[in-house]
N, C-alpha and C. Protein backbone atom coordinates (compact mmCIF):
# COMPACT_ATOMS: atom_id res chain seq x y z
N UNK A 1 -1.52 -7.26 19.89
CA UNK A 1 -0.31 -7.98 19.55
C UNK A 1 0.60 -7.97 20.77
N UNK A 2 1.14 -9.12 21.12
CA UNK A 2 2.06 -9.20 22.25
C UNK A 2 3.33 -8.42 21.92
N UNK A 3 3.93 -7.87 22.95
CA UNK A 3 5.09 -7.01 22.77
C UNK A 3 6.19 -7.72 22.00
N UNK A 4 6.42 -8.99 22.25
CA UNK A 4 7.52 -9.70 21.62
C UNK A 4 7.18 -10.23 20.22
N UNK A 5 5.95 -10.15 19.80
CA UNK A 5 5.52 -10.70 18.52
C UNK A 5 5.66 -9.67 17.42
N UNK A 6 6.38 -10.05 16.36
CA UNK A 6 6.49 -9.18 15.20
C UNK A 6 5.33 -9.47 14.25
N UNK A 7 4.83 -8.44 13.58
CA UNK A 7 3.72 -8.67 12.66
C UNK A 7 4.15 -9.52 11.46
N UNK A 8 3.25 -10.40 11.08
CA UNK A 8 3.44 -11.22 9.89
C UNK A 8 2.89 -10.49 8.68
N UNK A 9 3.05 -11.09 7.52
CA UNK A 9 2.45 -10.53 6.30
C UNK A 9 0.94 -10.42 6.46
N UNK A 10 0.33 -11.44 7.04
CA UNK A 10 -1.12 -11.39 7.27
C UNK A 10 -1.50 -10.28 8.23
N UNK A 11 -0.70 -10.09 9.28
CA UNK A 11 -0.95 -8.99 10.21
C UNK A 11 -0.88 -7.64 9.49
N UNK A 12 0.10 -7.50 8.60
CA UNK A 12 0.23 -6.27 7.82
C UNK A 12 -1.08 -5.97 7.09
N UNK A 13 -1.58 -6.94 6.34
CA UNK A 13 -2.82 -6.73 5.59
C UNK A 13 -4.00 -6.54 6.53
N UNK A 14 -4.01 -7.26 7.65
CA UNK A 14 -5.12 -7.12 8.61
C UNK A 14 -5.19 -5.70 9.19
N UNK A 15 -4.04 -5.07 9.43
CA UNK A 15 -4.08 -3.71 9.96
C UNK A 15 -4.67 -2.74 8.94
N UNK A 16 -4.36 -2.95 7.68
CA UNK A 16 -4.94 -2.09 6.63
C UNK A 16 -6.44 -2.31 6.58
N UNK A 17 -6.87 -3.55 6.66
CA UNK A 17 -8.31 -3.85 6.65
C UNK A 17 -9.00 -3.28 7.89
N UNK A 18 -8.35 -3.38 9.04
CA UNK A 18 -8.93 -2.80 10.27
C UNK A 18 -9.10 -1.29 10.12
N UNK A 19 -8.11 -0.65 9.53
CA UNK A 19 -8.21 0.80 9.32
C UNK A 19 -9.36 1.12 8.37
N UNK A 20 -9.49 0.37 7.29
CA UNK A 20 -10.60 0.60 6.35
C UNK A 20 -11.94 0.33 7.01
N UNK A 21 -11.98 -0.60 7.94
CA UNK A 21 -13.27 -0.95 8.57
C UNK A 21 -13.84 0.22 9.37
N UNK A 22 -13.03 1.22 9.68
CA UNK A 22 -13.51 2.39 10.42
C UNK A 22 -14.08 3.46 9.49
N UNK A 23 -13.96 3.24 8.19
CA UNK A 23 -14.36 4.24 7.19
C UNK A 23 -15.62 3.78 6.49
N UNK A 24 -16.62 4.64 6.42
CA UNK A 24 -17.82 4.34 5.64
C UNK A 24 -17.61 4.93 4.25
N UNK A 25 -17.15 4.08 3.35
CA UNK A 25 -16.89 4.55 1.99
C UNK A 25 -18.06 4.27 1.04
N UNK A 26 -19.18 3.81 1.60
CA UNK A 26 -20.35 3.54 0.77
C UNK A 26 -20.14 2.44 -0.25
N UNK A 27 -19.21 1.54 0.00
CA UNK A 27 -18.95 0.43 -0.92
C UNK A 27 -18.03 0.77 -2.07
N UNK A 28 -17.44 1.95 -2.02
CA UNK A 28 -16.58 2.39 -3.13
C UNK A 28 -15.37 1.48 -3.29
N UNK A 29 -14.73 1.11 -2.20
CA UNK A 29 -13.52 0.28 -2.30
C UNK A 29 -13.81 -1.06 -2.96
N UNK A 30 -14.97 -1.62 -2.71
CA UNK A 30 -15.36 -2.88 -3.35
C UNK A 30 -15.44 -2.74 -4.87
N UNK A 31 -15.74 -1.53 -5.33
CA UNK A 31 -15.87 -1.31 -6.78
C UNK A 31 -14.52 -1.30 -7.49
N UNK A 32 -13.42 -1.35 -6.73
CA UNK A 32 -12.11 -1.50 -7.37
C UNK A 32 -12.00 -2.84 -8.08
N UNK A 33 -12.88 -3.77 -7.73
CA UNK A 33 -12.89 -5.09 -8.37
C UNK A 33 -14.06 -5.26 -9.32
N UNK A 34 -14.64 -4.17 -9.76
CA UNK A 34 -15.72 -4.21 -10.75
C UNK A 34 -15.16 -4.66 -12.09
N UNK A 35 -15.96 -5.35 -12.85
CA UNK A 35 -15.55 -5.74 -14.20
C UNK A 35 -15.50 -4.53 -15.13
N UNK A 36 -16.13 -3.43 -14.74
CA UNK A 36 -16.18 -2.22 -15.56
C UNK A 36 -14.99 -1.32 -15.23
N UNK A 37 -14.10 -1.13 -16.20
CA UNK A 37 -12.88 -0.34 -15.98
C UNK A 37 -13.18 1.10 -15.59
N UNK A 38 -14.20 1.69 -16.18
CA UNK A 38 -14.55 3.08 -15.83
C UNK A 38 -15.03 3.17 -14.39
N UNK A 39 -15.76 2.18 -13.96
CA UNK A 39 -16.23 2.16 -12.57
C UNK A 39 -15.04 2.01 -11.61
N UNK A 40 -14.06 1.18 -11.97
CA UNK A 40 -12.85 1.03 -11.14
C UNK A 40 -12.10 2.35 -11.04
N UNK A 41 -11.95 3.04 -12.16
CA UNK A 41 -11.24 4.31 -12.17
C UNK A 41 -11.96 5.35 -11.31
N UNK A 42 -13.27 5.41 -11.45
CA UNK A 42 -14.06 6.35 -10.64
C UNK A 42 -13.97 6.00 -9.15
N UNK A 43 -13.96 4.72 -8.84
CA UNK A 43 -13.84 4.30 -7.43
C UNK A 43 -12.49 4.72 -6.88
N UNK A 44 -11.43 4.53 -7.65
CA UNK A 44 -10.09 4.92 -7.19
C UNK A 44 -10.04 6.42 -6.94
N UNK A 45 -10.59 7.19 -7.84
CA UNK A 45 -10.59 8.65 -7.68
C UNK A 45 -11.35 9.06 -6.42
N UNK A 46 -12.49 8.44 -6.19
CA UNK A 46 -13.28 8.75 -4.99
C UNK A 46 -12.52 8.38 -3.72
N UNK A 47 -11.89 7.23 -3.73
CA UNK A 47 -11.13 6.82 -2.55
C UNK A 47 -9.99 7.80 -2.27
N UNK A 48 -9.25 8.15 -3.31
CA UNK A 48 -8.12 9.06 -3.15
C UNK A 48 -8.58 10.43 -2.66
N UNK A 49 -9.63 10.93 -3.24
CA UNK A 49 -10.10 12.28 -2.89
C UNK A 49 -10.87 12.35 -1.57
N UNK A 50 -11.50 11.25 -1.16
CA UNK A 50 -12.41 11.32 -0.02
C UNK A 50 -12.13 10.37 1.14
N UNK A 51 -11.33 9.34 0.95
CA UNK A 51 -11.27 8.31 1.99
C UNK A 51 -9.89 7.85 2.43
N UNK A 52 -8.89 7.89 1.57
CA UNK A 52 -7.59 7.32 1.97
C UNK A 52 -6.95 8.09 3.13
N UNK A 53 -7.14 9.37 3.19
CA UNK A 53 -6.56 10.13 4.30
C UNK A 53 -7.18 9.67 5.63
N UNK A 54 -8.48 9.47 5.66
CA UNK A 54 -9.13 8.99 6.89
C UNK A 54 -8.67 7.58 7.23
N UNK A 55 -8.50 6.74 6.20
CA UNK A 55 -8.00 5.39 6.44
C UNK A 55 -6.62 5.45 7.07
N UNK A 56 -5.77 6.33 6.56
CA UNK A 56 -4.41 6.43 7.09
C UNK A 56 -4.39 7.00 8.51
N UNK A 57 -5.32 7.86 8.83
CA UNK A 57 -5.43 8.33 10.22
C UNK A 57 -5.79 7.17 11.15
N UNK A 58 -6.70 6.32 10.70
CA UNK A 58 -7.06 5.15 11.49
C UNK A 58 -5.89 4.17 11.58
N UNK A 59 -5.17 4.01 10.49
CA UNK A 59 -3.99 3.14 10.48
C UNK A 59 -2.92 3.67 11.43
N UNK A 60 -2.73 4.96 11.41
CA UNK A 60 -1.76 5.58 12.31
C UNK A 60 -2.12 5.27 13.78
N UNK A 61 -3.39 5.36 14.13
CA UNK A 61 -3.82 5.06 15.50
C UNK A 61 -3.52 3.60 15.86
N UNK A 62 -3.70 2.70 14.93
CA UNK A 62 -3.39 1.28 15.18
C UNK A 62 -1.89 1.09 15.37
N UNK A 63 -1.10 1.66 14.47
CA UNK A 63 0.34 1.42 14.47
C UNK A 63 1.08 2.17 15.58
N UNK A 64 0.46 3.20 16.14
CA UNK A 64 1.09 3.92 17.25
C UNK A 64 1.27 3.01 18.47
N UNK A 65 0.52 1.93 18.53
CA UNK A 65 0.64 0.98 19.64
C UNK A 65 1.82 0.02 19.47
N UNK A 66 2.45 0.02 18.32
CA UNK A 66 3.56 -0.88 18.04
C UNK A 66 4.84 -0.34 18.67
N UNK A 67 5.70 -1.25 19.10
CA UNK A 67 7.03 -0.85 19.53
C UNK A 67 7.93 -0.73 18.28
N UNK A 68 9.17 -0.31 18.48
CA UNK A 68 10.05 -0.06 17.33
C UNK A 68 10.27 -1.30 16.46
N UNK A 69 10.59 -2.47 17.02
CA UNK A 69 10.77 -3.64 16.15
C UNK A 69 9.49 -4.03 15.40
N UNK A 70 8.34 -3.89 16.04
CA UNK A 70 7.08 -4.22 15.38
C UNK A 70 6.79 -3.27 14.23
N UNK A 71 6.98 -1.98 14.46
CA UNK A 71 6.72 -1.02 13.40
C UNK A 71 7.72 -1.17 12.26
N UNK A 72 8.97 -1.47 12.58
CA UNK A 72 9.97 -1.72 11.54
C UNK A 72 9.58 -2.95 10.71
N UNK A 73 9.09 -3.98 11.38
CA UNK A 73 8.65 -5.18 10.66
C UNK A 73 7.43 -4.89 9.79
N UNK A 74 6.50 -4.10 10.30
CA UNK A 74 5.33 -3.71 9.51
C UNK A 74 5.77 -2.95 8.26
N UNK A 75 6.69 -2.01 8.45
CA UNK A 75 7.21 -1.27 7.30
C UNK A 75 7.92 -2.19 6.32
N UNK A 76 8.64 -3.18 6.80
CA UNK A 76 9.32 -4.12 5.91
C UNK A 76 8.30 -4.89 5.06
N UNK A 77 7.14 -5.22 5.64
CA UNK A 77 6.09 -5.88 4.85
C UNK A 77 5.55 -4.92 3.78
N UNK A 78 5.39 -3.66 4.14
CA UNK A 78 4.93 -2.66 3.17
C UNK A 78 5.95 -2.52 2.05
N UNK A 79 7.22 -2.41 2.43
CA UNK A 79 8.27 -2.28 1.43
C UNK A 79 8.28 -3.49 0.49
N UNK A 80 8.13 -4.68 1.04
CA UNK A 80 8.11 -5.92 0.23
C UNK A 80 6.91 -5.91 -0.72
N UNK A 81 5.75 -5.47 -0.23
CA UNK A 81 4.56 -5.42 -1.08
C UNK A 81 4.78 -4.47 -2.26
N UNK A 82 5.38 -3.33 -1.99
CA UNK A 82 5.69 -2.37 -3.06
C UNK A 82 6.74 -2.94 -4.01
N UNK A 83 7.74 -3.59 -3.46
CA UNK A 83 8.84 -4.14 -4.24
C UNK A 83 8.35 -5.21 -5.23
N UNK A 84 7.52 -6.12 -4.78
CA UNK A 84 7.11 -7.20 -5.68
C UNK A 84 6.19 -6.71 -6.78
N UNK A 85 5.57 -5.55 -6.60
CA UNK A 85 4.77 -4.95 -7.68
C UNK A 85 5.65 -4.17 -8.67
N UNK A 86 6.90 -4.01 -8.36
CA UNK A 86 7.82 -3.27 -9.22
C UNK A 86 8.22 -4.18 -10.39
N UNK A 87 7.29 -4.27 -11.35
CA UNK A 87 7.47 -5.13 -12.52
C UNK A 87 7.03 -4.38 -13.77
N UNK A 88 7.59 -4.79 -14.87
CA UNK A 88 7.28 -4.15 -16.15
C UNK A 88 5.80 -4.26 -16.50
N UNK A 89 5.19 -5.43 -16.29
CA UNK A 89 3.78 -5.60 -16.62
C UNK A 89 2.88 -4.75 -15.72
N UNK A 90 3.28 -4.58 -14.48
CA UNK A 90 2.51 -3.73 -13.57
C UNK A 90 2.67 -2.27 -13.99
N UNK A 91 3.88 -1.89 -14.36
CA UNK A 91 4.11 -0.52 -14.82
C UNK A 91 3.25 -0.21 -16.05
N UNK A 92 3.15 -1.17 -16.96
CA UNK A 92 2.31 -0.99 -18.15
C UNK A 92 0.86 -0.70 -17.76
N UNK A 93 0.40 -1.33 -16.68
CA UNK A 93 -0.98 -1.15 -16.25
C UNK A 93 -1.19 0.12 -15.42
N UNK A 94 -0.19 0.48 -14.60
CA UNK A 94 -0.36 1.60 -13.67
C UNK A 94 0.23 2.90 -14.18
N UNK A 95 1.30 2.80 -14.98
CA UNK A 95 2.00 3.94 -15.56
C UNK A 95 2.79 4.69 -14.51
N UNK A 96 3.30 5.82 -14.88
CA UNK A 96 4.02 6.68 -13.97
C UNK A 96 5.52 6.71 -14.22
N UNK A 97 6.11 7.85 -13.92
CA UNK A 97 7.57 8.00 -13.95
C UNK A 97 8.13 7.25 -12.74
N UNK A 98 9.39 7.46 -12.43
CA UNK A 98 9.98 6.78 -11.26
C UNK A 98 9.11 6.98 -10.02
N UNK A 99 8.91 8.24 -9.63
CA UNK A 99 8.10 8.52 -8.45
C UNK A 99 6.64 8.17 -8.67
N UNK A 100 6.12 8.51 -9.83
CA UNK A 100 4.71 8.24 -10.12
C UNK A 100 4.39 6.75 -10.08
N UNK A 101 5.30 5.92 -10.55
CA UNK A 101 5.07 4.47 -10.50
C UNK A 101 5.09 3.98 -9.06
N UNK A 102 5.97 4.52 -8.24
CA UNK A 102 5.96 4.19 -6.81
C UNK A 102 4.62 4.59 -6.19
N UNK A 103 4.14 5.77 -6.50
CA UNK A 103 2.91 6.27 -5.91
C UNK A 103 1.69 5.46 -6.36
N UNK A 104 1.70 4.98 -7.62
CA UNK A 104 0.58 4.13 -8.06
C UNK A 104 0.62 2.79 -7.34
N UNK A 105 1.80 2.27 -7.09
CA UNK A 105 1.90 1.04 -6.29
C UNK A 105 1.46 1.31 -4.86
N UNK A 106 1.73 2.53 -4.37
CA UNK A 106 1.26 2.92 -3.04
C UNK A 106 -0.26 2.86 -2.94
N UNK A 107 -0.94 3.27 -4.01
CA UNK A 107 -2.40 3.18 -4.00
C UNK A 107 -2.84 1.71 -3.95
N UNK A 108 -2.19 0.86 -4.71
CA UNK A 108 -2.56 -0.56 -4.73
C UNK A 108 -2.45 -1.15 -3.32
N UNK A 109 -1.39 -0.82 -2.61
CA UNK A 109 -1.22 -1.31 -1.24
C UNK A 109 -2.28 -0.69 -0.32
N UNK A 110 -2.46 0.62 -0.41
CA UNK A 110 -3.43 1.30 0.45
C UNK A 110 -4.85 0.78 0.25
N UNK A 111 -5.17 0.34 -0.94
CA UNK A 111 -6.52 -0.14 -1.24
C UNK A 111 -6.83 -1.46 -0.54
N UNK A 112 -5.82 -2.17 -0.11
CA UNK A 112 -6.04 -3.41 0.65
C UNK A 112 -5.69 -4.66 -0.12
N UNK A 113 -5.74 -5.76 0.60
CA UNK A 113 -5.24 -7.03 0.11
C UNK A 113 -5.97 -7.55 -1.13
N UNK A 114 -7.29 -7.45 -1.18
CA UNK A 114 -8.02 -7.99 -2.33
C UNK A 114 -7.61 -7.28 -3.61
N UNK A 115 -7.57 -5.97 -3.56
CA UNK A 115 -7.16 -5.22 -4.75
C UNK A 115 -5.70 -5.51 -5.08
N UNK A 116 -4.85 -5.53 -4.06
CA UNK A 116 -3.43 -5.81 -4.26
C UNK A 116 -3.24 -7.16 -4.95
N UNK A 117 -3.88 -8.20 -4.43
CA UNK A 117 -3.70 -9.53 -5.00
C UNK A 117 -4.25 -9.62 -6.42
N UNK A 118 -5.33 -8.90 -6.70
CA UNK A 118 -5.87 -8.88 -8.07
C UNK A 118 -4.88 -8.22 -9.02
N UNK A 119 -4.34 -7.07 -8.62
CA UNK A 119 -3.38 -6.37 -9.47
C UNK A 119 -2.10 -7.19 -9.62
N UNK A 120 -1.65 -7.81 -8.55
CA UNK A 120 -0.46 -8.64 -8.61
C UNK A 120 -0.64 -9.77 -9.63
N UNK A 121 -1.80 -10.42 -9.61
CA UNK A 121 -2.06 -11.57 -10.49
C UNK A 121 -2.34 -11.16 -11.93
N UNK A 122 -3.12 -10.09 -12.12
CA UNK A 122 -3.53 -9.67 -13.47
C UNK A 122 -3.49 -8.15 -13.57
N UNK A 123 -2.29 -7.58 -13.65
CA UNK A 123 -2.19 -6.11 -13.62
C UNK A 123 -2.92 -5.41 -14.75
N UNK A 124 -2.91 -5.97 -15.93
CA UNK A 124 -3.58 -5.29 -17.05
C UNK A 124 -5.09 -5.31 -16.92
N UNK A 125 -5.62 -6.28 -16.20
CA UNK A 125 -7.07 -6.34 -15.99
C UNK A 125 -7.49 -5.45 -14.82
N UNK A 126 -6.75 -5.48 -13.70
CA UNK A 126 -7.20 -4.85 -12.47
C UNK A 126 -6.47 -3.56 -12.11
N UNK A 127 -5.33 -3.31 -12.74
CA UNK A 127 -4.59 -2.10 -12.44
C UNK A 127 -5.35 -0.86 -12.89
N UNK A 128 -5.18 0.23 -12.15
CA UNK A 128 -5.86 1.49 -12.45
C UNK A 128 -4.79 2.53 -12.76
N UNK A 129 -4.77 2.95 -13.99
CA UNK A 129 -3.75 3.88 -14.46
C UNK A 129 -3.78 5.19 -13.68
N UNK A 130 -2.61 5.58 -13.22
CA UNK A 130 -2.38 6.89 -12.59
C UNK A 130 -3.11 7.11 -11.26
N UNK A 131 -3.62 6.07 -10.62
CA UNK A 131 -4.22 6.21 -9.29
C UNK A 131 -3.07 6.20 -8.29
N UNK A 132 -2.81 7.34 -7.66
CA UNK A 132 -1.63 7.50 -6.81
C UNK A 132 -1.99 7.75 -5.35
N UNK A 133 -1.22 7.15 -4.47
CA UNK A 133 -1.32 7.41 -3.03
C UNK A 133 0.11 7.48 -2.48
N UNK A 134 0.73 8.61 -2.72
CA UNK A 134 2.14 8.83 -2.33
C UNK A 134 2.36 8.58 -0.84
N UNK A 135 1.48 9.06 -0.01
CA UNK A 135 1.71 8.99 1.44
C UNK A 135 1.81 7.57 1.96
N UNK A 136 1.24 6.59 1.26
CA UNK A 136 1.30 5.21 1.74
C UNK A 136 2.69 4.62 1.56
N UNK A 137 3.46 5.12 0.61
CA UNK A 137 4.75 4.51 0.28
C UNK A 137 5.74 4.56 1.43
N UNK A 138 5.72 5.63 2.20
CA UNK A 138 6.63 5.79 3.33
C UNK A 138 5.86 6.07 4.62
N UNK A 139 4.63 5.62 4.66
CA UNK A 139 3.75 5.87 5.79
C UNK A 139 4.39 5.45 7.12
N UNK A 140 4.80 4.19 7.20
CA UNK A 140 5.35 3.67 8.45
C UNK A 140 6.73 4.24 8.75
N UNK A 141 7.49 4.59 7.71
CA UNK A 141 8.80 5.22 7.93
C UNK A 141 8.63 6.55 8.66
N UNK A 142 7.68 7.34 8.19
CA UNK A 142 7.43 8.64 8.83
C UNK A 142 6.91 8.47 10.25
N UNK A 143 6.02 7.52 10.45
CA UNK A 143 5.51 7.27 11.79
C UNK A 143 6.64 6.78 12.70
N UNK A 144 7.48 5.89 12.19
CA UNK A 144 8.62 5.40 12.95
C UNK A 144 9.51 6.57 13.38
N UNK A 145 9.78 7.47 12.45
CA UNK A 145 10.59 8.65 12.75
C UNK A 145 9.92 9.52 13.81
N UNK A 146 8.61 9.71 13.68
CA UNK A 146 7.88 10.51 14.67
C UNK A 146 7.95 9.90 16.07
N UNK A 147 7.84 8.58 16.12
CA UNK A 147 7.79 7.90 17.41
C UNK A 147 9.16 7.62 18.02
N UNK A 148 10.13 7.29 17.15
CA UNK A 148 11.41 6.79 17.66
C UNK A 148 12.61 7.63 17.24
N UNK A 149 12.37 8.71 16.47
CA UNK A 149 13.44 9.63 16.13
C UNK A 149 14.43 9.17 15.10
N UNK A 150 14.05 8.21 14.30
CA UNK A 150 14.96 7.70 13.27
C UNK A 150 14.12 6.98 12.22
N UNK A 151 14.77 6.50 11.18
CA UNK A 151 14.10 5.69 10.17
C UNK A 151 14.26 4.22 10.52
N UNK A 152 13.35 3.37 10.08
CA UNK A 152 13.48 1.93 10.36
C UNK A 152 14.78 1.39 9.74
N UNK A 153 15.29 0.30 10.29
CA UNK A 153 16.49 -0.31 9.70
C UNK A 153 16.26 -0.73 8.25
N UNK A 154 17.30 -0.67 7.46
CA UNK A 154 17.21 -1.09 6.06
C UNK A 154 16.97 -2.59 5.98
N UNK A 155 16.25 -2.99 4.93
CA UNK A 155 15.89 -4.40 4.78
C UNK A 155 16.70 -5.14 3.72
N UNK A 156 17.40 -4.40 2.89
CA UNK A 156 18.14 -5.04 1.81
C UNK A 156 17.41 -5.01 0.47
N UNK A 157 16.17 -4.55 0.48
CA UNK A 157 15.45 -4.33 -0.78
C UNK A 157 15.05 -2.86 -0.82
N UNK A 158 14.47 -2.45 -1.93
CA UNK A 158 14.06 -1.06 -2.06
C UNK A 158 12.65 -0.99 -2.62
N UNK A 159 11.87 -0.09 -2.09
CA UNK A 159 10.53 0.15 -2.61
C UNK A 159 10.56 1.04 -3.83
N UNK A 160 11.70 1.66 -4.09
CA UNK A 160 11.81 2.60 -5.21
C UNK A 160 11.55 1.91 -6.54
N UNK A 161 11.06 2.67 -7.49
CA UNK A 161 10.72 2.12 -8.81
C UNK A 161 11.95 1.61 -9.55
N UNK A 162 11.75 0.51 -10.25
CA UNK A 162 12.74 -0.11 -11.12
C UNK A 162 13.89 -0.73 -10.34
N UNK A 163 13.69 -1.05 -9.05
CA UNK A 163 14.75 -1.66 -8.26
C UNK A 163 14.63 -3.20 -8.22
N UNK A 164 13.47 -3.73 -8.55
CA UNK A 164 13.27 -5.17 -8.56
C UNK A 164 13.75 -5.72 -9.90
N UNK A 165 15.00 -6.12 -9.95
CA UNK A 165 15.62 -6.56 -11.22
C UNK A 165 14.89 -7.74 -11.85
N UNK A 166 14.27 -8.59 -11.03
CA UNK A 166 13.54 -9.74 -11.57
C UNK A 166 12.25 -9.30 -12.29
N UNK A 167 11.75 -8.13 -11.98
CA UNK A 167 10.52 -7.65 -12.60
C UNK A 167 10.72 -6.94 -13.91
N UNK A 168 12.00 -6.73 -14.27
CA UNK A 168 12.31 -5.97 -15.48
C UNK A 168 13.27 -6.78 -16.36
N UNK A 169 12.72 -7.54 -17.32
CA UNK A 169 13.60 -8.40 -18.16
C UNK A 169 14.54 -7.57 -19.03
């Protein structure tokens, strides 16, 4: 990425896919889109227990090359992805208290674009109850702090649960 270019939404998802491409998960992530709900749940558990940490290490290596405005923009895309999933129908599918619901949305983002878009479109069909990936929710914020000694600038929205007023009638 050129120094002056800020990542787009597509770039955000591409970095997550690039990080996953370094992990041999034996096809487990693809099973998040299985028609069998038990298979999806087992796949999520396997990813959380065995693969998401390695994916995030690979993601960290990719994002360490970003300058401050690029990393802030990447985090803003992550925050937006979490924010738009902050809806009552998604909560019904994923469950969780305030923090728990944020962490389940963190898993949806960490799992990648295909799973995210499926859950976004049909949460009751594709959502996986209680599959949590807390570290993804503030992943880029922590990296930004490590690299630049501060938190990214505020965007005007919040990734926190129940903050998307349009998602909660």
